[in-house]
């Protein structure tokens, strides 16, 4: 008995990518219905905007775990030793809050400098970014000074559960602040080359402001529990 073999249908690539077709085949998601691929890309959220929220969520979960461990450990501990927080922590808080203000000033200056055609203005917006960077470094230096004050009182990492939590929480936060300083350096370099994207600056600013809020929370937690 003879068998009839049918040849597969020929697919015209130009027909699949023809503007005005939505493409009902397996390739329909590659080309928008109106054929304008650039419009679809322009409405896609920047990768940095999405990634920063994932990073902030992960940091929040980590410090929430630390906070829970501190509360539980204090409630079940008979060797918990309270101590007075180093006074320099309050100065460090003001420094970090001031850095958020200068960063917001920098964001507005950068928007005017890059977006409004004011590149000929005498004052570069990088000045405010450098101020923010300096304040961030000053905050980290102040945290190190706070650790030295505790050491002078005989309180080390393994001295007591309370001092252990103090060192772990403040050091972990300081490391994340250093990450934010790295982001600021990246923004400054891109700005100097006139290749800075607004979403990169916005993501860095969100991260930095989050570090401020997180530190205020940690300070209140340490003040109440230590």
N, C-alpha and C. Protein backbone atom coordinates (compact mmCIF):
# COMPACT_ATOMS: atom_id res chain seq x y z
N UNK A 1 0.86 -1.20 0.00
CA UNK A 1 0.00 0.00 0.00
C UNK A 1 0.89 1.24 0.00
N UNK A 2 0.65 2.15 -0.92
CA UNK A 2 1.51 3.33 -1.05
C UNK A 2 1.23 4.34 0.07
N UNK A 3 2.28 4.96 0.51
CA UNK A 3 2.18 5.97 1.57
C UNK A 3 2.48 7.34 1.00
N UNK A 4 1.61 8.26 1.25
CA UNK A 4 1.80 9.63 0.74
C UNK A 4 2.53 10.47 1.77
N UNK A 5 3.63 11.07 1.38
CA UNK A 5 4.43 11.91 2.28
C UNK A 5 4.21 13.36 1.92
N UNK A 6 3.74 14.10 2.87
CA UNK A 6 3.49 15.53 2.63
C UNK A 6 4.69 16.33 3.10
N UNK A 7 5.13 17.26 2.30
CA UNK A 7 6.24 18.13 2.70
C UNK A 7 5.73 19.16 3.71
N UNK A 8 6.58 19.51 4.69
CA UNK A 8 6.16 20.52 5.67
C UNK A 8 5.94 21.87 5.02
N UNK A 9 5.00 22.62 5.54
CA UNK A 9 4.74 23.94 4.95
C UNK A 9 5.93 24.87 5.12
N UNK A 10 6.15 25.71 4.15
CA UNK A 10 7.24 26.67 4.19
C UNK A 10 6.80 27.93 4.96
N UNK A 11 7.66 28.38 5.86
CA UNK A 11 7.37 29.56 6.67
C UNK A 11 8.19 30.73 6.16
N UNK A 12 7.52 31.80 5.85
CA UNK A 12 8.21 33.00 5.36
C UNK A 12 8.59 33.87 6.55
N UNK A 13 9.90 34.04 6.83
CA UNK A 13 10.30 34.87 7.99
C UNK A 13 9.82 36.30 7.89
N UNK A 14 9.78 36.85 6.65
CA UNK A 14 9.33 38.23 6.49
C UNK A 14 7.87 38.39 6.88
N UNK A 15 7.09 37.31 6.67
CA UNK A 15 5.69 37.38 7.03
C UNK A 15 5.50 37.39 8.54
N UNK A 16 6.38 36.65 9.26
CA UNK A 16 6.27 36.62 10.72
C UNK A 16 6.59 37.97 11.33
N UNK A 17 7.57 38.66 10.74
CA UNK A 17 8.03 39.93 11.32
C UNK A 17 7.41 41.13 10.65
N UNK A 18 6.40 40.90 9.83
CA UNK A 18 5.77 41.99 9.11
C UNK A 18 5.04 42.92 10.06
N UNK A 19 5.30 44.26 9.99
CA UNK A 19 4.58 45.19 10.87
C UNK A 19 3.08 45.12 10.65
N UNK A 20 2.34 45.30 11.74
CA UNK A 20 0.90 45.28 11.67
C UNK A 20 0.29 43.93 11.98
N UNK A 21 1.16 42.88 12.08
CA UNK A 21 0.66 41.55 12.41
C UNK A 21 1.01 41.24 13.86
N UNK A 22 0.09 40.62 14.57
CA UNK A 22 0.35 40.23 15.94
C UNK A 22 1.08 38.91 16.01
N UNK A 23 1.02 38.12 14.91
CA UNK A 23 1.74 36.85 14.90
C UNK A 23 1.03 35.84 15.75
N UNK A 24 0.23 34.96 15.16
CA UNK A 24 -0.53 34.01 15.94
C UNK A 24 0.20 32.71 16.17
N UNK A 25 1.45 32.62 15.68
CA UNK A 25 2.22 31.40 15.84
C UNK A 25 3.04 31.44 17.11
N UNK A 26 4.08 30.57 17.15
CA UNK A 26 4.92 30.49 18.34
C UNK A 26 5.81 31.68 18.54
N UNK A 27 5.91 32.54 17.52
CA UNK A 27 6.79 33.71 17.60
C UNK A 27 6.03 34.97 17.97
N UNK A 28 4.79 34.86 18.39
CA UNK A 28 3.96 36.04 18.56
C UNK A 28 4.46 36.99 19.62
N UNK A 29 5.23 36.48 20.62
CA UNK A 29 5.67 37.34 21.71
C UNK A 29 6.92 38.13 21.37
N UNK A 30 7.55 37.82 20.24
CA UNK A 30 8.79 38.50 19.90
C UNK A 30 8.55 39.87 19.29
N UNK A 31 7.41 40.07 18.65
CA UNK A 31 7.13 41.32 17.97
C UNK A 31 5.82 41.89 18.47
N UNK A 32 5.77 43.16 18.88
CA UNK A 32 4.51 43.76 19.32
C UNK A 32 3.48 43.76 18.19
N UNK A 33 2.22 43.93 18.59
CA UNK A 33 1.14 43.91 17.60
C UNK A 33 1.29 45.01 16.57
N UNK A 34 1.81 46.18 16.97
CA UNK A 34 1.97 47.28 16.03
C UNK A 34 3.33 47.29 15.35
N UNK A 35 4.15 46.27 15.67
CA UNK A 35 5.43 46.16 15.01
C UNK A 35 6.50 47.08 15.55
N UNK A 36 6.22 47.88 16.57
CA UNK A 36 7.18 48.83 17.11
C UNK A 36 7.85 48.24 18.34
N UNK A 37 8.99 47.63 18.15
CA UNK A 37 9.70 46.97 19.25
C UNK A 37 10.27 47.98 20.22
N UNK A 38 10.69 49.16 19.75
CA UNK A 38 11.30 50.17 20.61
C UNK A 38 10.31 50.69 21.65
N UNK A 39 9.04 50.81 21.27
CA UNK A 39 8.03 51.28 22.22
C UNK A 39 7.89 50.30 23.37
N UNK A 40 7.90 49.00 23.05
CA UNK A 40 7.76 47.99 24.09
C UNK A 40 8.94 48.01 25.04
N UNK A 41 10.14 48.24 24.50
CA UNK A 41 11.32 48.29 25.36
C UNK A 41 11.33 49.51 26.25
N UNK A 42 10.83 50.64 25.73
CA UNK A 42 10.84 51.88 26.51
C UNK A 42 9.96 51.77 27.74
N UNK A 43 8.91 50.95 27.69
CA UNK A 43 8.00 50.82 28.81
C UNK A 43 8.41 49.73 29.79
N UNK A 44 9.50 49.04 29.51
CA UNK A 44 9.98 48.00 30.42
C UNK A 44 10.69 48.66 31.60
N UNK A 45 10.47 48.19 32.83
CA UNK A 45 11.14 48.79 33.99
C UNK A 45 12.63 48.52 33.93
N UNK A 46 13.48 49.49 34.31
CA UNK A 46 14.92 49.29 34.31
C UNK A 46 15.30 48.15 35.24
N UNK A 47 16.34 47.42 34.86
CA UNK A 47 16.76 46.28 35.68
C UNK A 47 17.22 46.72 37.06
N UNK A 48 17.89 47.89 37.13
CA UNK A 48 18.38 48.36 38.43
C UNK A 48 17.24 48.70 39.37
N UNK A 49 16.11 49.20 38.83
CA UNK A 49 14.97 49.55 39.67
C UNK A 49 14.34 48.32 40.29
N UNK A 50 14.31 47.23 39.54
CA UNK A 50 13.74 46.00 40.06
C UNK A 50 14.70 45.30 41.03
N UNK A 51 15.99 45.31 40.69
CA UNK A 51 16.98 44.61 41.51
C UNK A 51 17.13 45.25 42.88
N UNK A 52 17.01 46.58 42.95
CA UNK A 52 17.26 47.25 44.23
C UNK A 52 16.22 46.84 45.26
N UNK A 53 14.98 46.61 44.83
CA UNK A 53 13.95 46.19 45.78
C UNK A 53 14.18 44.77 46.28
N UNK A 54 14.74 43.92 45.42
CA UNK A 54 15.10 42.57 45.85
C UNK A 54 16.21 42.64 46.91
N UNK A 55 17.19 43.50 46.67
CA UNK A 55 18.29 43.67 47.62
C UNK A 55 17.78 44.20 48.96
N UNK A 56 16.93 45.21 48.91
CA UNK A 56 16.41 45.80 50.15
C UNK A 56 15.55 44.80 50.92
N UNK A 57 14.80 43.98 50.20
CA UNK A 57 13.99 42.97 50.87
C UNK A 57 14.88 41.94 51.56
N UNK A 58 15.96 41.53 50.91
CA UNK A 58 16.88 40.56 51.52
C UNK A 58 17.54 41.15 52.76
N UNK A 59 17.94 42.41 52.70
CA UNK A 59 18.55 43.05 53.86
C UNK A 59 17.55 43.16 55.01
N UNK A 60 16.30 43.49 54.68
CA UNK A 60 15.27 43.60 55.70
C UNK A 60 15.06 42.28 56.41
N UNK A 61 15.01 41.20 55.65
CA UNK A 61 14.82 39.89 56.25
C UNK A 61 16.00 39.50 57.15
N UNK A 62 17.19 39.87 56.75
CA UNK A 62 18.36 39.53 57.55
C UNK A 62 18.35 40.26 58.89
N UNK A 63 18.08 41.56 58.86
CA UNK A 63 18.07 42.31 60.11
C UNK A 63 16.85 41.97 60.96
N UNK A 64 15.76 41.55 60.33
CA UNK A 64 14.61 41.08 61.10
C UNK A 64 14.98 39.82 61.87
N UNK A 65 15.77 38.95 61.25
CA UNK A 65 16.22 37.74 61.93
C UNK A 65 17.15 38.09 63.09
N UNK A 66 18.05 39.04 62.87
CA UNK A 66 18.94 39.50 63.95
C UNK A 66 18.14 40.07 65.12
N UNK A 67 17.14 40.88 64.79
CA UNK A 67 16.32 41.50 65.83
C UNK A 67 15.56 40.45 66.63
N UNK A 68 15.00 39.48 65.94
CA UNK A 68 14.28 38.42 66.63
C UNK A 68 15.21 37.63 67.54
N UNK A 69 16.41 37.34 67.04
CA UNK A 69 17.38 36.60 67.86
C UNK A 69 17.78 37.39 69.09
N UNK A 70 17.95 38.70 68.96
CA UNK A 70 18.31 39.53 70.11
C UNK A 70 17.22 39.50 71.17
N UNK A 71 15.97 39.67 70.74
CA UNK A 71 14.85 39.72 71.70
C UNK A 71 14.70 38.38 72.42
N UNK A 72 14.78 37.29 71.65
CA UNK A 72 14.64 35.97 72.26
C UNK A 72 15.80 35.68 73.20
N UNK A 73 17.01 36.04 72.77
CA UNK A 73 18.20 35.76 73.60
C UNK A 73 18.15 36.54 74.91
N UNK A 74 17.71 37.78 74.86
CA UNK A 74 17.64 38.56 76.09
C UNK A 74 16.56 38.00 77.02
N UNK A 75 15.43 37.58 76.46
CA UNK A 75 14.35 37.07 77.28
C UNK A 75 14.67 35.76 77.98
N UNK A 76 15.58 34.97 77.40
CA UNK A 76 15.90 33.67 77.99
C UNK A 76 17.29 33.62 78.62
N UNK A 77 17.93 34.79 78.75
CA UNK A 77 19.30 34.81 79.25
C UNK A 77 19.35 35.30 80.70
N UNK A 78 20.21 34.65 81.48
CA UNK A 78 20.45 35.08 82.86
C UNK A 78 21.76 35.85 82.99
N UNK A 79 22.54 35.91 81.92
CA UNK A 79 23.83 36.59 81.95
C UNK A 79 23.86 37.85 81.09
N UNK A 80 22.66 38.36 80.79
CA UNK A 80 22.58 39.54 79.94
C UNK A 80 23.08 40.76 80.69
N UNK A 81 24.01 41.49 80.12
CA UNK A 81 24.61 42.65 80.78
C UNK A 81 24.24 43.91 80.01
N UNK A 82 23.54 44.81 80.67
CA UNK A 82 23.19 46.09 80.04
C UNK A 82 24.34 47.07 80.15
N UNK A 83 24.44 47.94 79.19
CA UNK A 83 25.49 48.97 79.22
C UNK A 83 24.99 50.20 78.47
N UNK A 84 25.63 51.31 78.72
CA UNK A 84 25.25 52.57 78.07
C UNK A 84 25.85 52.64 76.67
N UNK A 85 25.03 52.99 75.72
CA UNK A 85 25.52 53.09 74.35
C UNK A 85 26.51 54.23 74.23
N UNK A 86 27.55 54.08 73.42
CA UNK A 86 28.50 55.17 73.20
C UNK A 86 27.79 56.42 72.68
N UNK A 87 28.12 57.55 73.25
CA UNK A 87 27.42 58.79 72.89
C UNK A 87 27.67 59.20 71.44
N UNK A 88 28.75 58.74 70.86
CA UNK A 88 29.06 59.13 69.48
C UNK A 88 28.04 58.55 68.49
N UNK A 89 27.29 57.55 68.90
CA UNK A 89 26.28 56.97 68.01
C UNK A 89 25.22 58.00 67.63
N UNK A 90 24.91 58.90 68.53
CA UNK A 90 23.89 59.91 68.23
C UNK A 90 24.42 60.94 67.23
N UNK A 91 25.71 61.25 67.34
CA UNK A 91 26.32 62.13 66.35
C UNK A 91 26.38 61.44 64.99
N UNK A 92 26.69 60.16 65.01
CA UNK A 92 26.72 59.41 63.76
C UNK A 92 25.36 59.40 63.08
N UNK A 93 24.30 59.34 63.88
CA UNK A 93 22.95 59.36 63.32
C UNK A 93 22.68 60.67 62.59
N UNK A 94 23.08 61.78 63.20
CA UNK A 94 22.89 63.08 62.55
C UNK A 94 23.69 63.18 61.26
N UNK A 95 24.89 62.61 61.27
CA UNK A 95 25.73 62.63 60.07
C UNK A 95 25.09 61.85 58.94
N UNK A 96 24.55 60.68 59.26
CA UNK A 96 23.93 59.85 58.23
C UNK A 96 22.66 60.49 57.69
N UNK A 97 21.87 61.10 58.57
CA UNK A 97 20.67 61.79 58.11
C UNK A 97 21.02 62.99 57.23
N UNK A 98 22.09 63.68 57.59
CA UNK A 98 22.54 64.81 56.76
C UNK A 98 22.99 64.34 55.39
N UNK A 99 23.56 63.15 55.31
CA UNK A 99 24.00 62.63 54.02
C UNK A 99 22.82 62.36 53.10
N UNK A 100 21.68 61.99 53.66
CA UNK A 100 20.49 61.80 52.83
C UNK A 100 20.01 63.12 52.24
N UNK A 101 20.13 64.18 53.04
CA UNK A 101 19.73 65.50 52.56
C UNK A 101 20.63 65.93 51.40
N UNK A 102 21.93 65.78 51.57
CA UNK A 102 22.85 66.18 50.51
C UNK A 102 22.69 65.31 49.26
N UNK A 103 22.31 64.06 49.44
CA UNK A 103 22.10 63.20 48.28
C UNK A 103 20.86 63.63 47.51
N UNK A 104 19.82 64.06 48.21
CA UNK A 104 18.63 64.55 47.52
C UNK A 104 18.93 65.85 46.78
N UNK A 105 19.76 66.70 47.38
CA UNK A 105 20.18 67.91 46.67
C UNK A 105 20.95 67.53 45.40
N UNK A 106 21.82 66.52 45.52
CA UNK A 106 22.60 66.05 44.37
C UNK A 106 21.68 65.53 43.27
N UNK A 107 20.64 64.80 43.64
CA UNK A 107 19.71 64.26 42.63
C UNK A 107 19.05 65.38 41.84
N UNK A 108 18.66 66.44 42.51
CA UNK A 108 18.01 67.55 41.82
C UNK A 108 19.01 68.29 40.94
N UNK A 109 20.24 68.47 41.44
CA UNK A 109 21.25 69.14 40.64
C UNK A 109 21.63 68.32 39.41
N UNK A 110 21.71 67.01 39.57
CA UNK A 110 22.03 66.15 38.43
C UNK A 110 20.92 66.22 37.39
N UNK A 111 19.65 66.22 37.84
CA UNK A 111 18.53 66.31 36.91
C UNK A 111 18.58 67.61 36.13
N UNK A 112 18.93 68.71 36.80
CA UNK A 112 19.05 69.99 36.11
C UNK A 112 20.25 70.02 35.18
N UNK A 113 21.33 69.39 35.62
CA UNK A 113 22.57 69.40 34.86
C UNK A 113 22.48 68.56 33.59
N UNK A 114 21.85 67.38 33.69
CA UNK A 114 21.80 66.46 32.56
C UNK A 114 20.52 66.60 31.74
N UNK A 115 19.43 67.01 32.37
CA UNK A 115 18.16 67.00 31.66
C UNK A 115 17.69 68.33 31.14
N UNK A 116 18.10 69.43 31.78
CA UNK A 116 17.58 70.74 31.40
C UNK A 116 18.56 71.54 30.58
N UNK A 117 19.62 70.88 30.11
CA UNK A 117 20.57 71.58 29.26
C UNK A 117 21.40 72.61 29.98
N UNK A 118 21.67 72.40 31.27
CA UNK A 118 22.45 73.36 32.04
C UNK A 118 23.87 72.88 32.25
N UNK A 119 24.42 72.19 31.28
CA UNK A 119 25.76 71.65 31.43
C UNK A 119 26.83 72.73 31.50
N UNK A 120 26.47 73.94 31.14
CA UNK A 120 27.44 75.04 31.18
C UNK A 120 27.44 75.77 32.51
N UNK A 121 26.60 75.33 33.48
CA UNK A 121 26.55 76.00 34.76
C UNK A 121 27.88 75.83 35.49
N UNK A 122 28.20 76.80 36.31
CA UNK A 122 29.52 76.83 36.94
C UNK A 122 29.67 75.76 38.01
N UNK A 123 28.60 75.43 38.73
CA UNK A 123 28.67 74.48 39.83
C UNK A 123 28.29 73.08 39.35
N UNK A 124 29.21 72.15 39.48
CA UNK A 124 28.93 70.78 39.06
C UNK A 124 28.13 70.06 40.14
N UNK A 125 27.15 69.25 39.76
CA UNK A 125 26.37 68.50 40.76
C UNK A 125 27.21 67.45 41.47
N UNK A 126 28.37 67.11 40.92
CA UNK A 126 29.24 66.13 41.58
C UNK A 126 29.70 66.61 42.95
N UNK A 127 29.68 67.92 43.15
CA UNK A 127 30.10 68.47 44.45
C UNK A 127 29.25 67.90 45.58
N UNK A 128 27.93 67.81 45.36
CA UNK A 128 27.04 67.31 46.41
C UNK A 128 27.16 65.80 46.58
N UNK A 129 27.52 65.12 45.51
CA UNK A 129 27.78 63.69 45.64
C UNK A 129 29.03 63.43 46.45
N UNK A 130 30.05 64.28 46.26
CA UNK A 130 31.27 64.15 47.05
C UNK A 130 31.01 64.45 48.53
N UNK A 131 30.12 65.41 48.79
CA UNK A 131 29.77 65.72 50.18
C UNK A 131 29.07 64.52 50.82
N UNK A 132 28.14 63.92 50.07
CA UNK A 132 27.46 62.72 50.57
C UNK A 132 28.45 61.59 50.83
N UNK A 133 29.39 61.42 49.93
CA UNK A 133 30.40 60.38 50.08
C UNK A 133 31.25 60.63 51.33
N UNK A 134 31.62 61.89 51.55
CA UNK A 134 32.43 62.24 52.73
C UNK A 134 31.67 61.99 54.02
N UNK A 135 30.38 62.34 54.03
CA UNK A 135 29.58 62.10 55.22
C UNK A 135 29.42 60.62 55.50
N UNK A 136 29.29 59.82 54.44
CA UNK A 136 29.20 58.38 54.63
C UNK A 136 30.47 57.81 55.22
N UNK A 137 31.61 58.26 54.73
CA UNK A 137 32.89 57.81 55.29
C UNK A 137 33.04 58.26 56.75
N UNK A 138 32.55 59.46 57.04
CA UNK A 138 32.62 59.97 58.41
C UNK A 138 31.74 59.13 59.33
N UNK A 139 30.61 58.67 58.83
CA UNK A 139 29.74 57.81 59.62
C UNK A 139 30.44 56.49 59.96
N UNK A 140 31.07 55.88 58.97
CA UNK A 140 31.78 54.62 59.21
C UNK A 140 32.91 54.83 60.21
N UNK A 141 33.63 55.94 60.08
CA UNK A 141 34.70 56.24 61.03
C UNK A 141 34.14 56.44 62.44
N UNK A 142 32.96 57.06 62.52
CA UNK A 142 32.32 57.24 63.82
C UNK A 142 31.90 55.93 64.45
N UNK A 143 31.46 54.97 63.61
CA UNK A 143 31.12 53.65 64.14
C UNK A 143 32.36 52.95 64.69
N UNK A 144 33.47 53.11 64.02
CA UNK A 144 34.72 52.52 64.51
C UNK A 144 35.12 53.15 65.84
N UNK A 145 34.90 54.46 65.97
CA UNK A 145 35.19 55.13 67.24
C UNK A 145 34.29 54.61 68.36
N UNK A 146 33.04 54.27 68.02
CA UNK A 146 32.13 53.70 69.03
C UNK A 146 32.63 52.34 69.50
N UNK A 147 33.16 51.54 68.58
CA UNK A 147 33.71 50.24 68.97
C UNK A 147 34.92 50.41 69.88
N UNK A 148 35.73 51.42 69.60
CA UNK A 148 36.89 51.69 70.45
C UNK A 148 36.45 52.10 71.86
N UNK A 149 35.36 52.86 71.95
CA UNK A 149 34.85 53.25 73.27
C UNK A 149 34.39 52.04 74.06
N UNK A 150 33.75 51.09 73.39
CA UNK A 150 33.33 49.88 74.09
C UNK A 150 34.54 49.06 74.54
N UNK A 151 35.54 48.98 73.69
CA UNK A 151 36.74 48.24 74.08
C UNK A 151 37.41 48.87 75.29
N UNK A 152 37.36 50.21 75.36
CA UNK A 152 37.94 50.88 76.51
C UNK A 152 37.19 50.55 77.80
N UNK A 153 35.91 50.17 77.68
CA UNK A 153 35.12 49.77 78.85
C UNK A 153 35.26 48.28 79.15
N UNK A 154 36.06 47.58 78.36
CA UNK A 154 36.24 46.15 78.56
C UNK A 154 35.16 45.30 77.93
N UNK A 155 34.43 45.86 76.99
CA UNK A 155 33.36 45.13 76.31
C UNK A 155 33.82 44.75 74.91
N UNK A 156 33.98 43.44 74.68
CA UNK A 156 34.43 42.93 73.40
C UNK A 156 33.32 42.09 72.77
N UNK A 157 33.63 41.51 71.62
CA UNK A 157 32.63 40.73 70.91
C UNK A 157 32.13 39.54 71.73
N UNK A 158 33.03 38.88 72.45
CA UNK A 158 32.67 37.68 73.19
C UNK A 158 32.52 37.92 74.69
N UNK A 159 32.48 39.18 75.10
CA UNK A 159 32.38 39.48 76.53
C UNK A 159 31.03 39.08 77.10
N UNK A 160 29.97 39.43 76.37
CA UNK A 160 28.61 39.22 76.85
C UNK A 160 27.68 39.11 75.65
N UNK A 161 26.55 38.43 75.77
CA UNK A 161 25.61 38.37 74.64
C UNK A 161 25.17 39.76 74.16
N UNK A 162 25.00 40.68 75.10
CA UNK A 162 24.57 42.03 74.70
C UNK A 162 25.64 42.73 73.86
N UNK A 163 26.89 42.65 74.28
CA UNK A 163 27.95 43.28 73.50
C UNK A 163 28.15 42.57 72.16
N UNK A 164 27.93 41.27 72.13
CA UNK A 164 28.04 40.53 70.88
C UNK A 164 27.03 41.04 69.86
N UNK A 165 25.78 41.21 70.30
CA UNK A 165 24.76 41.72 69.40
C UNK A 165 25.08 43.13 68.94
N UNK A 166 25.63 43.93 69.83
CA UNK A 166 25.97 45.30 69.44
C UNK A 166 26.99 45.30 68.32
N UNK A 167 28.05 44.54 68.48
CA UNK A 167 29.09 44.50 67.45
C UNK A 167 28.56 43.93 66.14
N UNK A 168 27.79 42.86 66.22
CA UNK A 168 27.29 42.21 65.00
C UNK A 168 26.35 43.13 64.23
N UNK A 169 25.41 43.75 64.93
CA UNK A 169 24.43 44.61 64.26
C UNK A 169 25.08 45.85 63.66
N UNK A 170 25.92 46.53 64.45
CA UNK A 170 26.53 47.76 63.95
C UNK A 170 27.56 47.48 62.85
N UNK A 171 28.32 46.38 62.98
CA UNK A 171 29.31 46.06 61.95
C UNK A 171 28.63 45.64 60.65
N UNK A 172 27.56 44.86 60.74
CA UNK A 172 26.85 44.44 59.53
C UNK A 172 26.24 45.64 58.82
N UNK A 173 25.69 46.56 59.58
CA UNK A 173 25.14 47.78 58.98
C UNK A 173 26.25 48.61 58.34
N UNK A 174 27.38 48.72 59.00
CA UNK A 174 28.50 49.49 58.45
C UNK A 174 28.98 48.89 57.13
N UNK A 175 29.00 47.57 57.03
CA UNK A 175 29.40 46.92 55.79
C UNK A 175 28.43 47.26 54.65
N UNK A 176 27.14 47.32 54.97
CA UNK A 176 26.16 47.69 53.95
C UNK A 176 26.30 49.16 53.57
N UNK A 177 26.67 50.00 54.52
CA UNK A 177 26.92 51.41 54.19
C UNK A 177 28.11 51.52 53.25
N UNK A 178 29.14 50.71 53.47
CA UNK A 178 30.28 50.70 52.55
C UNK A 178 29.85 50.29 51.14
N UNK A 179 28.89 49.36 51.06
CA UNK A 179 28.33 49.02 49.75
C UNK A 179 27.66 50.22 49.10
N UNK A 180 26.94 51.02 49.90
CA UNK A 180 26.33 52.23 49.37
C UNK A 180 27.36 53.25 48.92
N UNK A 181 28.49 53.32 49.63
CA UNK A 181 29.57 54.22 49.23
C UNK A 181 30.15 53.79 47.88
N UNK A 182 30.23 52.47 47.68
CA UNK A 182 30.67 51.98 46.38
C UNK A 182 29.71 52.41 45.27
N UNK A 183 28.41 52.38 45.56
CA UNK A 183 27.43 52.86 44.59
C UNK A 183 27.59 54.33 44.29
N UNK A 184 27.89 55.13 45.31
CA UNK A 184 28.11 56.57 45.09
C UNK A 184 29.34 56.81 44.23
N UNK A 185 30.40 56.06 44.46
CA UNK A 185 31.61 56.20 43.65
C UNK A 185 31.30 55.86 42.19
N UNK A 186 30.50 54.82 41.98
CA UNK A 186 30.11 54.45 40.62
C UNK A 186 29.33 55.58 39.95
N UNK A 187 28.40 56.18 40.70
CA UNK A 187 27.60 57.28 40.14
C UNK A 187 28.49 58.47 39.80
N UNK A 188 29.43 58.79 40.66
CA UNK A 188 30.32 59.93 40.41
C UNK A 188 31.16 59.69 39.16
N UNK A 189 31.65 58.48 39.00
CA UNK A 189 32.47 58.17 37.81
C UNK A 189 31.64 58.27 36.54
N UNK A 190 30.42 57.75 36.57
CA UNK A 190 29.56 57.83 35.40
C UNK A 190 29.19 59.28 35.09
N UNK A 191 28.97 60.08 36.12
CA UNK A 191 28.63 61.48 35.90
C UNK A 191 29.79 62.23 35.27
N UNK A 192 31.01 61.93 35.70
CA UNK A 192 32.18 62.61 35.15
C UNK A 192 32.38 62.28 33.67
N UNK A 193 31.89 61.11 33.24
CA UNK A 193 32.00 60.71 31.83
C UNK A 193 30.74 61.04 31.04
N UNK A 194 29.77 61.69 31.71
CA UNK A 194 28.48 62.04 31.07
C UNK A 194 27.75 60.81 30.54
N UNK A 195 27.90 59.69 31.24
CA UNK A 195 27.20 58.45 30.86
C UNK A 195 26.29 57.96 31.98
N UNK A 196 25.96 58.83 32.92
CA UNK A 196 25.14 58.44 34.06
C UNK A 196 23.69 58.28 33.63
N UNK A 197 23.09 57.17 34.01
CA UNK A 197 21.67 56.95 33.79
C UNK A 197 20.89 57.32 35.06
N UNK A 198 19.73 57.88 34.85
CA UNK A 198 18.94 58.34 35.99
C UNK A 198 18.54 57.18 36.90
N UNK A 199 18.23 56.01 36.31
CA UNK A 199 17.80 54.89 37.15
C UNK A 199 18.92 54.40 38.04
N UNK A 200 20.19 54.57 37.62
CA UNK A 200 21.31 54.18 38.46
C UNK A 200 21.41 55.09 39.68
N UNK A 201 21.23 56.40 39.46
CA UNK A 201 21.25 57.34 40.58
C UNK A 201 20.07 57.12 41.51
N UNK A 202 18.90 56.86 40.95
CA UNK A 202 17.71 56.63 41.77
C UNK A 202 17.85 55.37 42.62
N UNK A 203 18.40 54.31 42.03
CA UNK A 203 18.59 53.07 42.78
C UNK A 203 19.59 53.27 43.92
N UNK A 204 20.66 54.02 43.66
CA UNK A 204 21.65 54.30 44.70
C UNK A 204 21.03 55.13 45.82
N UNK A 205 20.21 56.10 45.45
CA UNK A 205 19.56 56.95 46.45
C UNK A 205 18.59 56.15 47.31
N UNK A 206 17.82 55.27 46.70
CA UNK A 206 16.90 54.43 47.48
C UNK A 206 17.65 53.56 48.48
N UNK A 207 18.74 52.98 48.02
CA UNK A 207 19.55 52.14 48.91
C UNK A 207 20.10 52.97 50.07
N UNK A 208 20.58 54.17 49.77
CA UNK A 208 21.18 55.00 50.81
C UNK A 208 20.15 55.45 51.83
N UNK A 209 19.00 55.86 51.37
CA UNK A 209 17.94 56.28 52.30
C UNK A 209 17.48 55.10 53.15
N UNK A 210 17.46 53.92 52.56
CA UNK A 210 17.10 52.73 53.33
C UNK A 210 18.11 52.48 54.44
N UNK A 211 19.39 52.70 54.17
CA UNK A 211 20.41 52.55 55.21
C UNK A 211 20.17 53.53 56.36
N UNK A 212 19.70 54.73 56.05
CA UNK A 212 19.37 55.70 57.09
C UNK A 212 18.23 55.20 57.98
N UNK A 213 17.15 54.78 57.33
CA UNK A 213 16.00 54.29 58.09
C UNK A 213 16.38 53.06 58.92
N UNK A 214 17.16 52.19 58.33
CA UNK A 214 17.58 50.98 59.03
C UNK A 214 18.42 51.32 60.25
N UNK A 215 19.30 52.31 60.12
CA UNK A 215 20.14 52.66 61.25
C UNK A 215 19.33 53.27 62.38
N UNK A 216 18.36 54.11 62.06
CA UNK A 216 17.50 54.69 63.11
C UNK A 216 16.77 53.58 63.84
N UNK A 217 16.29 52.59 63.10
CA UNK A 217 15.62 51.44 63.73
C UNK A 217 16.58 50.68 64.64
N UNK A 218 17.80 50.42 64.17
CA UNK A 218 18.77 49.68 64.97
C UNK A 218 19.17 50.46 66.23
N UNK A 219 19.31 51.76 66.10
CA UNK A 219 19.66 52.58 67.25
C UNK A 219 18.57 52.50 68.32
N UNK A 220 17.31 52.59 67.88
CA UNK A 220 16.20 52.48 68.83
C UNK A 220 16.16 51.09 69.47
N UNK A 221 16.41 50.06 68.68
CA UNK A 221 16.40 48.70 69.19
C UNK A 221 17.52 48.50 70.23
N UNK A 222 18.70 48.98 69.92
CA UNK A 222 19.82 48.83 70.86
C UNK A 222 19.59 49.65 72.12
N UNK A 223 19.01 50.81 71.97
CA UNK A 223 18.77 51.69 73.13
C UNK A 223 17.74 51.05 74.08
N UNK A 224 16.74 50.38 73.52
CA UNK A 224 15.70 49.77 74.36
C UNK A 224 16.13 48.43 74.96
N UNK A 225 16.94 47.66 74.21
CA UNK A 225 17.25 46.30 74.65
C UNK A 225 18.61 46.17 75.33
N UNK A 226 19.50 47.12 75.12
CA UNK A 226 20.81 47.03 75.75
C UNK A 226 20.93 47.97 76.94
